[in-house]
Amino acid sequence: MFFDEKGFKKDLKRILNGEVQRMHNNLKETMDKEEREFLS
């Protein structure tokens, strides 16, 4: 099996960025919801 380290690092970075983005969005949604409940 040929292991492409450059490609692997690129994929890993892409995956990590996607996960961070997803977590950030979830956090934002949660905060928005709590803020609305707090303000209402």
C-alpha atoms as a PDB file:
ATOM      1  CA  MET A   1       0.000   0.000   0.000  1.00  0.00           C
ATOM      2  CA  PHE A   2       1.323   3.394  -1.008  1.00  0.00           C
ATOM      3  CA  PHE A   3       1.031   5.970   1.735  1.00  0.00           C
ATOM      4  CA  ASP A   4       0.814   9.554   0.521  1.00  0.00           C
ATOM      5  CA  GLU A   5       1.760  11.629   3.528  1.00  0.00           C
ATOM      6  CA  LYS A   6       1.104  14.986   1.865  1.00  0.00           C
ATOM      7  CA  GLY A   7      -2.335  13.914   0.708  1.00  0.00           C
ATOM      8  CA  PHE A   8      -3.062  12.362   4.082  1.00  0.00           C
ATOM      9  CA  LYS A   9      -2.150  15.545   5.933  1.00  0.00           C
ATOM     10  CA  LYS A  10      -4.291  17.563   3.549  1.00  0.00           C
ATOM     11  CA  ASP A  11      -7.263  15.230   4.080  1.00  0.00           C
ATOM     12  CA  LEU A  12      -6.735  15.269   7.833  1.00  0.00           C
ATOM     13  CA  LYS A  13      -6.662  19.049   7.840  1.00  0.00           C
ATOM     14  CA  ARG A  14      -9.833  19.165   5.756  1.00  0.00           C
ATOM     15  CA  ILE A  15     -11.575  16.717   8.082  1.00  0.00           C
ATOM     16  CA  LEU A  16     -10.447  18.587  11.195  1.00  0.00           C
ATOM     17  CA  ASN A  17     -11.539  21.912   9.732  1.00  0.00           C
ATOM     18  CA  GLY A  18     -14.924  20.396   8.922  1.00  0.00           C
ATOM     19  CA  GLU A  19     -15.283  19.064  12.465  1.00  0.00           C
ATOM     20  CA  VAL A  20     -14.304  22.392  13.995  1.00  0.00           C
ATOM     21  CA  GLN A  21     -16.767  24.166  11.722  1.00  0.00           C
ATOM     22  CA  ARG A  22     -19.516  21.733  12.712  1.00  0.00           C
ATOM     23  CA  MET A  23     -18.768  22.110  16.420  1.00  0.00           C
ATOM     24  CA  HIS A  24     -18.719  25.883  16.043  1.00  0.00           C
ATOM     25  CA  ASN A  25     -22.100  25.834  14.307  1.00  0.00           C
ATOM     26  CA  ASN A  26     -23.600  23.581  16.988  1.00  0.00           C
ATOM     27  CA  LEU A  27     -22.247  25.847  19.704  1.00  0.00           C
ATOM     28  CA  LYS A  28     -23.633  28.911  17.946  1.00  0.00           C
ATOM     29  CA  GLU A  29     -27.069  27.293  17.575  1.00  0.00           C
ATOM     30  CA  THR A  30     -27.097  26.310  21.242  1.00  0.00           C
ATOM     31  CA  MET A  31     -26.072  29.782  22.329  1.00  0.00           C
ATOM     32  CA  ASP A  32     -28.654  31.400  20.069  1.00  0.00           C
ATOM     33  CA  LYS A  33     -31.358  29.163  21.504  1.00  0.00           C
ATOM     34  CA  GLU A  34     -30.352  29.865  25.094  1.00  0.00           C
ATOM     35  CA  GLU A  35     -30.134  33.570  24.360  1.00  0.00           C
ATOM     36  CA  ARG A  36     -33.639  33.599  22.891  1.00  0.00           C
ATOM     37  CA  GLU A  37     -35.008  31.706  25.884  1.00  0.00           C
ATOM     38  CA  PHE A  38     -33.196  34.072  28.228  1.00  0.00           C
ATOM     39  CA  LEU A  39     -34.495  37.184  26.476  1.00  0.00           C
ATOM     40  CA  SER A  40     -38.080  36.002  26.040  1.00  0.00           C
END
